[in-house]
PDB file of N, CA and C in Angstrom:
ATOM      1  N   MET A   1       0.834  -1.164   0.000  1.00  0.00           N
ATOM      2  CA  MET A   1       0.000   0.000   0.000  1.00  0.00           C
ATOM      3  C   MET A   1       0.881   1.230   0.000  1.00  0.00           C
ATOM      4  N   ALA A   2       0.330   2.314  -0.452  1.00  0.00           N
ATOM      5  CA  ALA A   2       1.068   3.564  -0.459  1.00  0.00           C
ATOM      6  C   ALA A   2       1.273   4.025   0.978  1.00  0.00           C
ATOM      7  N   ALA A   3       2.467   4.545   1.250  1.00  0.00           N
ATOM      8  CA  ALA A   3       2.786   5.009   2.590  1.00  0.00           C
ATOM      9  C   ALA A   3       1.766   6.051   3.077  1.00  0.00           C
ATOM     10  N   ALA A   4       1.243   6.839   2.181  1.00  0.00           N
ATOM     11  CA  ALA A   4       0.259   7.860   2.550  1.00  0.00           C
ATOM     12  C   ALA A   4      -1.035   7.257   3.071  1.00  0.00           C
ATOM     13  N   ASP A   5      -1.314   6.009   2.722  1.00  0.00           N
ATOM     14  CA  ASP A   5      -2.550   5.339   3.151  1.00  0.00           C
ATOM     15  C   ASP A   5      -2.378   4.506   4.417  1.00  0.00           C
ATOM     16  N   LEU A   6      -1.178   4.476   4.966  1.00  0.00           N
ATOM     17  CA  LEU A   6      -0.869   3.579   6.075  1.00  0.00           C
ATOM     18  C   LEU A   6      -1.790   3.772   7.277  1.00  0.00           C
ATOM     19  N   ALA A   7      -1.978   4.976   7.735  1.00  0.00           N
ATOM     20  CA  ALA A   7      -2.796   5.219   8.932  1.00  0.00           C
ATOM     21  C   ALA A   7      -4.232   4.742   8.738  1.00  0.00           C
ATOM     22  N   ALA A   8      -4.818   5.028   7.585  1.00  0.00           N
ATOM     23  CA  ALA A   8      -6.198   4.609   7.321  1.00  0.00           C
ATOM     24  C   ALA A   8      -6.301   3.086   7.232  1.00  0.00           C
ATOM     25  N   ALA A   9      -5.331   2.458   6.618  1.00  0.00           N
ATOM     26  CA  ALA A   9      -5.347   0.998   6.497  1.00  0.00           C
ATOM     27  C   ALA A   9      -5.196   0.333   7.860  1.00  0.00           C
ATOM     28  N   ILE A  10      -4.293   0.836   8.680  1.00  0.00           N
ATOM     29  CA  ILE A  10      -4.114   0.273  10.021  1.00  0.00           C
ATOM     30  C   ILE A  10      -5.396   0.419  10.829  1.00  0.00           C
ATOM     31  N   GLU A  11      -6.019   1.564  10.759  1.00  0.00           N
ATOM     32  CA  GLU A  11      -7.273   1.786  11.481  1.00  0.00           C
ATOM     33  C   GLU A  11      -8.347   0.794  11.026  1.00  0.00           C
ATOM     34  N   ALA A  12      -8.450   0.569   9.729  1.00  0.00           N
ATOM     35  CA  ALA A  12      -9.450  -0.358   9.196  1.00  0.00           C
ATOM     36  C   ALA A  12      -9.169  -1.792   9.630  1.00  0.00           C
ATOM     37  N   VAL A  13      -7.908  -2.208   9.571  1.00  0.00           N
ATOM     38  CA  VAL A  13      -7.546  -3.569   9.973  1.00  0.00           C
ATOM     39  C   VAL A  13      -7.820  -3.773  11.456  1.00  0.00           C
ATOM     40  N   ARG A  14      -7.434  -2.820  12.274  1.00  0.00           N
ATOM     41  CA  ARG A  14      -7.667  -2.953  13.717  1.00  0.00           C
ATOM     42  C   ARG A  14      -9.150  -2.974  14.048  1.00  0.00           C
ATOM     43  N   ALA A  15      -9.961  -2.270  13.288  1.00  0.00           N
ATOM     44  CA  ALA A  15     -11.412  -2.312  13.500  1.00  0.00           C
ATOM     45  C   ALA A  15     -11.963  -3.696  13.192  1.00  0.00           C
ATOM     46  N   VAL A  16     -11.496  -4.311  12.110  1.00  0.00           N
ATOM     47  CA  VAL A  16     -11.909  -5.682  11.776  1.00  0.00           C
ATOM     48  C   VAL A  16     -11.471  -6.630  12.881  1.00  0.00           C
ATOM     49  N   GLN A  17     -10.240  -6.480  13.331  1.00  0.00           N
ATOM     50  CA  GLN A  17      -9.742  -7.354  14.390  1.00  0.00           C
ATOM     51  C   GLN A  17     -10.576  -7.218  15.661  1.00  0.00           C
ATOM     52  N   ALA A  18     -10.973  -6.017  16.003  1.00  0.00           N
ATOM     53  CA  ALA A  18     -11.805  -5.806  17.195  1.00  0.00           C
ATOM     54  C   ALA A  18     -13.169  -6.474  17.035  1.00  0.00           C
ATOM     55  N   ARG A  19     -13.780  -6.335  15.853  1.00  0.00           N
ATOM     56  CA  ARG A  19     -15.085  -6.963  15.614  1.00  0.00           C
ATOM     57  C   ARG A  19     -14.990  -8.484  15.715  1.00  0.00           C
ATOM     58  N   VAL A  20     -13.947  -9.033  15.134  1.00  0.00           N
ATOM     59  CA  VAL A  20     -13.805 -10.486  15.145  1.00  0.00           C
ATOM     60  C   VAL A  20     -13.479 -10.988  16.554  1.00  0.00           C
ATOM     61  N   ARG A  21     -12.705 -10.232  17.319  1.00  0.00           N
ATOM     62  CA  ARG A  21     -12.418 -10.636  18.704  1.00  0.00           C
ATOM     63  C   ARG A  21     -13.693 -10.678  19.533  1.00  0.00           C
ATOM     64  N   GLU A  22     -14.639  -9.781  19.247  1.00  0.00           N
ATOM     65  CA  GLU A  22     -15.929  -9.813  19.956  1.00  0.00           C
ATOM     66  C   GLU A  22     -16.680 -11.104  19.669  1.00  0.00           C
ATOM     67  N   ARG A  23     -16.596 -11.584  18.434  1.00  0.00           N
ATOM     68  CA  ARG A  23     -17.290 -12.814  18.039  1.00  0.00           C
ATOM     69  C   ARG A  23     -16.510 -14.074  18.390  1.00  0.00           C
ATOM     70  N   SER A  24     -15.218 -13.943  18.585  1.00  0.00           N
ATOM     71  CA  SER A  24     -14.351 -15.110  18.794  1.00  0.00           C
ATOM     72  C   SER A  24     -13.507 -14.920  20.048  1.00  0.00           C
ATOM     73  N   PRO A  25     -14.080 -15.170  21.211  1.00  0.00           N
ATOM     74  CA  PRO A  25     -13.290 -15.040  22.439  1.00  0.00           C
ATOM     75  C   PRO A  25     -12.039 -15.926  22.360  1.00  0.00           C
ATOM     76  N   GLY A  26     -10.951 -15.400  22.837  1.00  0.00           N
ATOM     77  CA  GLY A  26      -9.702 -16.146  22.791  1.00  0.00           C
ATOM     78  C   GLY A  26      -8.845 -15.819  21.586  1.00  0.00           C
ATOM     79  N   LEU A  27      -9.373 -15.049  20.639  1.00  0.00           N
ATOM     80  CA  LEU A  27      -8.595 -14.676  19.465  1.00  0.00           C
ATOM     81  C   LEU A  27      -7.545 -13.641  19.857  1.00  0.00           C
ATOM     82  N   ALA A  28      -6.315 -13.895  19.488  1.00  0.00           N
ATOM     83  CA  ALA A  28      -5.248 -12.906  19.625  1.00  0.00           C
ATOM     84  C   ALA A  28      -4.968 -12.361  18.234  1.00  0.00           C
ATOM     85  N   ALA A  29      -4.890 -11.046  18.111  1.00  0.00           N
ATOM     86  CA  ALA A  29      -4.670 -10.426  16.805  1.00  0.00           C
ATOM     87  C   ALA A  29      -3.618  -9.335  16.932  1.00  0.00           C
ATOM     88  N   GLU A  30      -2.792  -9.245  15.917  1.00  0.00           N
ATOM     89  CA  GLU A  30      -1.735  -8.244  15.907  1.00  0.00           C
ATOM     90  C   GLU A  30      -1.560  -7.747  14.479  1.00  0.00           C
ATOM     91  N   THR A  31      -1.181  -6.491  14.320  1.00  0.00           N
ATOM     92  CA  THR A  31      -0.875  -5.929  13.019  1.00  0.00           C
ATOM     93  C   THR A  31       0.580  -5.481  13.051  1.00  0.00           C
ATOM     94  N   LEU A  32       1.352  -5.933  12.079  1.00  0.00           N
ATOM     95  CA  LEU A  32       2.770  -5.620  12.009  1.00  0.00           C
ATOM     96  C   LEU A  32       3.084  -4.906  10.702  1.00  0.00           C
ATOM     97  N   ARG A  33       4.177  -4.168  10.708  1.00  0.00           N
ATOM     98  CA  ARG A  33       4.631  -3.471   9.506  1.00  0.00           C
ATOM     99  C   ARG A  33       6.048  -3.915   9.188  1.00  0.00           C
ATOM    100  N   ARG A  34       6.290  -4.201   7.920  1.00  0.00           N
ATOM    101  CA  ARG A  34       7.659  -4.498   7.482  1.00  0.00           C
ATOM    102  C   ARG A  34       8.462  -3.203   7.611  1.00  0.00           C
ATOM    103  N   PRO A  35       9.664  -3.272   8.190  1.00  0.00           N
ATOM    104  CA  PRO A  35      10.477  -2.055   8.346  1.00  0.00           C
ATOM    105  C   PRO A  35      10.789  -1.407   6.998  1.00  0.00           C
ATOM    106  N   GLY A  36      10.810  -0.094   6.992  1.00  0.00           N
ATOM    107  CA  GLY A  36      11.152   0.654   5.792  1.00  0.00           C
ATOM    108  C   GLY A  36      10.049   0.612   4.759  1.00  0.00           C
ATOM    109  N   ASP A  37      10.355   1.129   3.602  1.00  0.00           N
ATOM    110  CA  ASP A  37       9.416   1.053   2.495  1.00  0.00           C
ATOM    111  C   ASP A  37      10.205   0.905   1.206  1.00  0.00           C
ATOM    112  N   SER A  38       9.506   0.627   0.159  1.00  0.00           N
ATOM    113  CA  SER A  38      10.122   0.437  -1.143  1.00  0.00           C
ATOM    114  C   SER A  38       9.342   1.257  -2.152  1.00  0.00           C
ATOM    115  N   ALA A  39       9.966   2.274  -2.677  1.00  0.00           N
ATOM    116  CA  ALA A  39       9.331   3.141  -3.670  1.00  0.00           C
ATOM    117  C   ALA A  39       8.021   3.720  -3.151  1.00  0.00           C
ATOM    118  N   GLY A  40       7.990   4.069  -1.853  1.00  0.00           N
ATOM    119  CA  GLY A  40       6.799   4.676  -1.277  1.00  0.00           C
ATOM    120  C   GLY A  40       5.706   3.692  -0.907  1.00  0.00           C
ATOM    121  N   LEU A  41       6.006   2.386  -0.971  1.00  0.00           N
ATOM    122  CA  LEU A  41       5.032   1.362  -0.614  1.00  0.00           C
ATOM    123  C   LEU A  41       5.442   0.697   0.696  1.00  0.00           C
ATOM    124  N   VAL A  42       4.444   0.343   1.507  1.00  0.00           N
ATOM    125  CA  VAL A  42       4.698  -0.342   2.769  1.00  0.00           C
ATOM    126  C   VAL A  42       3.926  -1.660   2.795  1.00  0.00           C
ATOM    127  N   THR A  43       4.374  -2.567   3.649  1.00  0.00           N
ATOM    128  CA  THR A  43       3.729  -3.874   3.777  1.00  0.00           C
ATOM    129  C   THR A  43       3.262  -4.059   5.210  1.00  0.00           C
ATOM    130  N   LEU A  44       2.001  -4.426   5.362  1.00  0.00           N
ATOM    131  CA  LEU A  44       1.445  -4.788   6.662  1.00  0.00           C
ATOM    132  C   LEU A  44       1.232  -6.286   6.705  1.00  0.00           C
ATOM    133  N   MET A  45       1.299  -6.834   7.904  1.00  0.00           N
ATOM    134  CA  MET A  45       1.003  -8.237   8.104  1.00  0.00           C
ATOM    135  C   MET A  45       0.068  -8.359   9.304  1.00  0.00           C
ATOM    136  N   GLU A  46      -1.003  -9.097   9.112  1.00  0.00           N
ATOM    137  CA  GLU A  46      -1.921  -9.394  10.207  1.00  0.00           C
ATOM    138  C   GLU A  46      -1.557 -10.763  10.747  1.00  0.00           C
ATOM    139  N   VAL A  47      -1.512 -10.885  12.060  1.00  0.00           N
ATOM    140  CA  VAL A  47      -1.189 -12.151  12.704  1.00  0.00           C
ATOM    141  C   VAL A  47      -2.329 -12.493  13.648  1.00  0.00           C
ATOM    142  N   TYR A  48      -2.821 -13.716  13.526  1.00  0.00           N
ATOM    143  CA  TYR A  48      -3.940 -14.171  14.357  1.00  0.00           C
ATOM    144  C   TYR A  48      -3.589 -15.486  15.014  1.00  0.00           C
ATOM    145  N   ASP A  49      -3.983 -15.631  16.258  1.00  0.00           N
ATOM    146  CA  ASP A  49      -3.793 -16.886  16.986  1.00  0.00           C
ATOM    147  C   ASP A  49      -5.160 -17.301  17.502  1.00  0.00           C
ATOM    148  N   PHE A  50      -5.719 -18.325  16.878  1.00  0.00           N
ATOM    149  CA  PHE A  50      -7.064 -18.780  17.199  1.00  0.00           C
ATOM    150  C   PHE A  50      -7.045 -19.891  18.227  1.00  0.00           C
ATOM    151  N   ALA A  51      -7.888 -19.770  19.236  1.00  0.00           N
ATOM    152  CA  ALA A  51      -8.136 -20.903  20.122  1.00  0.00           C
ATOM    153  C   ALA A  51      -9.000 -21.906  19.355  1.00  0.00           C
ATOM    154  N   ASP A  52      -9.851 -21.388  18.461  1.00  0.00           N
ATOM    155  CA  ASP A  52     -10.744 -22.209  17.642  1.00  0.00           C
ATOM    156  C   ASP A  52     -10.567 -21.761  16.196  1.00  0.00           C
ATOM    157  N   ALA A  53      -9.902 -22.558  15.389  1.00  0.00           N
ATOM    158  CA  ALA A  53      -9.602 -22.184  14.004  1.00  0.00           C
ATOM    159  C   ALA A  53     -10.823 -22.194  13.090  1.00  0.00           C
ATOM    160  N   ALA A  54     -11.982 -22.511  13.608  1.00  0.00           N
ATOM    161  CA  ALA A  54     -13.186 -22.571  12.781  1.00  0.00           C
ATOM    162  C   ALA A  54     -13.515 -21.222  12.156  1.00  0.00           C
ATOM    163  N   HIS A  55     -13.061 -20.135  12.754  1.00  0.00           N
ATOM    164  CA  HIS A  55     -13.402 -18.801  12.253  1.00  0.00           C
ATOM    165  C   HIS A  55     -12.333 -18.212  11.333  1.00  0.00           C
ATOM    166  N   ALA A  56     -11.282 -18.948  11.041  1.00  0.00           N
ATOM    167  CA  ALA A  56     -10.174 -18.410  10.254  1.00  0.00           C
ATOM    168  C   ALA A  56     -10.617 -17.973   8.862  1.00  0.00           C
ATOM    169  N   ASP A  57     -11.400 -18.767   8.176  1.00  0.00           N
ATOM    170  CA  ASP A  57     -11.839 -18.404   6.821  1.00  0.00           C
ATOM    171  C   ASP A  57     -12.740 -17.172   6.842  1.00  0.00           C
ATOM    172  N   GLU A  58     -13.598 -17.094   7.828  1.00  0.00           N
ATOM    173  CA  GLU A  58     -14.489 -15.929   7.971  1.00  0.00           C
ATOM    174  C   GLU A  58     -13.663 -14.660   8.184  1.00  0.00           C
ATOM    175  N   LEU A  59     -12.675 -14.735   9.048  1.00  0.00           N
ATOM    176  CA  LEU A  59     -11.823 -13.580   9.307  1.00  0.00           C
ATOM    177  C   LEU A  59     -11.057 -13.187   8.064  1.00  0.00           C
ATOM    178  N   GLU A  60     -10.509 -14.138   7.352  1.00  0.00           N
ATOM    179  CA  GLU A  60      -9.747 -13.837   6.139  1.00  0.00           C
ATOM    180  C   GLU A  60     -10.612 -13.106   5.122  1.00  0.00           C
ATOM    181  N   ALA A  61     -11.831 -13.562   4.912  1.00  0.00           N
ATOM    182  CA  ALA A  61     -12.724 -12.899   3.947  1.00  0.00           C
ATOM    183  C   ALA A  61     -13.038 -11.475   4.382  1.00  0.00           C
ATOM    184  N   GLU A  62     -13.301 -11.288   5.657  1.00  0.00           N
ATOM    185  CA  GLU A  62     -13.634  -9.946   6.154  1.00  0.00           C
ATOM    186  C   GLU A  62     -12.428  -9.014   6.051  1.00  0.00           C
ATOM    187  N   ALA A  63     -11.263  -9.479   6.468  1.00  0.00           N
ATOM    188  CA  ALA A  63     -10.058  -8.653   6.408  1.00  0.00           C
ATOM    189  C   ALA A  63      -9.698  -8.326   4.960  1.00  0.00           C
ATOM    190  N   ALA A  64      -9.811  -9.296   4.075  1.00  0.00           N
ATOM    191  CA  ALA A  64      -9.474  -9.064   2.662  1.00  0.00           C
ATOM    192  C   ALA A  64     -10.352  -7.986   2.052  1.00  0.00           C
ATOM    193  N   SER A  65     -11.633  -7.989   2.395  1.00  0.00           N
ATOM    194  CA  SER A  65     -12.530  -6.976   1.821  1.00  0.00           C
ATOM    195  C   SER A  65     -12.215  -5.589   2.360  1.00  0.00           C
ATOM    196  N   VAL A  66     -11.763  -5.506   3.597  1.00  0.00           N
ATOM    197  CA  VAL A  66     -11.464  -4.205   4.204  1.00  0.00           C
ATOM    198  C   VAL A  66     -10.194  -3.590   3.614  1.00  0.00           C
ATOM    199  N   VAL A  67      -9.165  -4.393   3.387  1.00  0.00           N
ATOM    200  CA  VAL A  67      -7.897  -3.843   2.907  1.00  0.00           C
ATOM    201  C   VAL A  67      -7.819  -3.728   1.390  1.00  0.00           C
ATOM    202  N   ALA A  68      -8.763  -4.286   0.680  1.00  0.00           N
ATOM    203  CA  ALA A  68      -8.723  -4.296  -0.786  1.00  0.00           C
ATOM    204  C   ALA A  68      -8.454  -2.928  -1.421  1.00  0.00           C
ATOM    205  N   PRO A  69      -9.046  -1.844  -0.926  1.00  0.00           N
ATOM    206  CA  PRO A  69      -8.801  -0.551  -1.585  1.00  0.00           C
ATOM    207  C   PRO A  69      -7.343  -0.093  -1.556  1.00  0.00           C
ATOM    208  N   TRP A  70      -6.550  -0.599  -0.627  1.00  0.00           N
ATOM    209  CA  TRP A  70      -5.174  -0.135  -0.489  1.00  0.00           C
ATOM    210  C   TRP A  70      -4.137  -1.079  -1.089  1.00  0.00           C
ATOM    211  N   LEU A  71      -4.534  -2.246  -1.513  1.00  0.00           N
ATOM    212  CA  LEU A  71      -3.567  -3.230  -2.007  1.00  0.00           C
ATOM    213  C   LEU A  71      -2.888  -2.755  -3.283  1.00  0.00           C
ATOM    214  N   ARG A  72      -1.601  -2.978  -3.353  1.00  0.00           N
ATOM    215  CA  ARG A  72      -0.825  -2.664  -4.555  1.00  0.00           C
ATOM    216  C   ARG A  72      -0.189  -3.931  -5.120  1.00  0.00           C
ATOM    217  N   GLY A  73      -0.460  -5.045  -4.483  1.00  0.00           N
ATOM    218  CA  GLY A  73       0.049  -6.341  -4.916  1.00  0.00           C
ATOM    219  C   GLY A  73      -0.959  -7.392  -4.495  1.00  0.00           C
ATOM    220  N   GLU A  74      -0.585  -8.626  -4.643  1.00  0.00           N
ATOM    221  CA  GLU A  74      -1.488  -9.718  -4.301  1.00  0.00           C
ATOM    222  C   GLU A  74      -1.467  -9.973  -2.795  1.00  0.00           C
ATOM    223  N   ARG A  75      -2.624 -10.112  -2.207  1.00  0.00           N
ATOM    224  CA  ARG A  75      -2.728 -10.478  -0.796  1.00  0.00           C
ATOM    225  C   ARG A  75      -2.615 -11.999  -0.713  1.00  0.00           C
ATOM    226  N   HIS A  76      -1.884 -12.478   0.277  1.00  0.00           N
ATOM    227  CA  HIS A  76      -1.808 -13.919   0.445  1.00  0.00           C
ATOM    228  C   HIS A  76      -1.908 -14.281   1.925  1.00  0.00           C
ATOM    229  N   VAL A  77      -2.306 -15.509   2.145  1.00  0.00           N
ATOM    230  CA  VAL A  77      -2.516 -16.031   3.492  1.00  0.00           C
ATOM    231  C   VAL A  77      -1.575 -17.201   3.701  1.00  0.00           C
ATOM    232  N   GLU A  78      -0.952 -17.206   4.848  1.00  0.00           N
ATOM    233  CA  GLU A  78      -0.124 -18.336   5.246  1.00  0.00           C
ATOM    234  C   GLU A  78      -0.649 -18.810   6.591  1.00  0.00           C
ATOM    235  N   ARG A  79      -0.758 -20.112   6.745  1.00  0.00           N
ATOM    236  CA  ARG A  79      -1.226 -20.683   8.007  1.00  0.00           C
ATOM    237  C   ARG A  79      -0.141 -21.586   8.569  1.00  0.00           C
ATOM    238  N   PHE A  80       0.029 -21.487   9.855  1.00  0.00           N
ATOM    239  CA  PHE A  80       1.043 -22.280  10.548  1.00  0.00           C
ATOM    240  C   PHE A  80       0.377 -23.042  11.676  1.00  0.00           C
ATOM    241  N   GLU A  81       0.918 -24.207  11.988  1.00  0.00           N
ATOM    242  CA  GLU A  81       0.419 -25.016  13.096  1.00  0.00           C
ATOM    243  C   GLU A  81       1.496 -25.061  14.169  1.00  0.00           C
ATOM    244  N   PRO A  82       1.069 -25.146  15.434  1.00  0.00           N
ATOM    245  CA  PRO A  82       2.060 -25.229  16.506  1.00  0.00           C
ATOM    246  C   PRO A  82       2.851 -26.529  16.437  1.00  0.00           C
ATOM    247  N   LEU A  83       4.064 -26.462  16.910  1.00  0.00           N
ATOM    248  CA  LEU A  83       4.897 -27.656  17.003  1.00  0.00           C
ATOM    249  C   LEU A  83       4.543 -28.405  18.276  1.00  0.00           C
ATOM    250  N   ASP A  84       4.677 -29.720  18.215  1.00  0.00           N
ATOM    251  CA  ASP A  84       4.431 -30.517  19.425  1.00  0.00           C
ATOM    252  C   ASP A  84       5.532 -30.306  20.436  1.00  0.00           C
TER     253      ASP A  84
END
């Protein structure tokens, strides 16, 4: 996203995270930024830790629709499982 849009995008992502936390007790959510920028573009990363992964797809769809106006590249999702 363009660096000029960073504050608005962060606000929108955090609002989605707050709404989803209300529906999903136990959800931990964080928004991170890649250090620096490249040609005036910045990268955000949303991190979620679900006690119940049943809501992961719902959250992804909601978050994707919120950030869509600011995307300058392809959004992708990576999922990780805890180690034993």
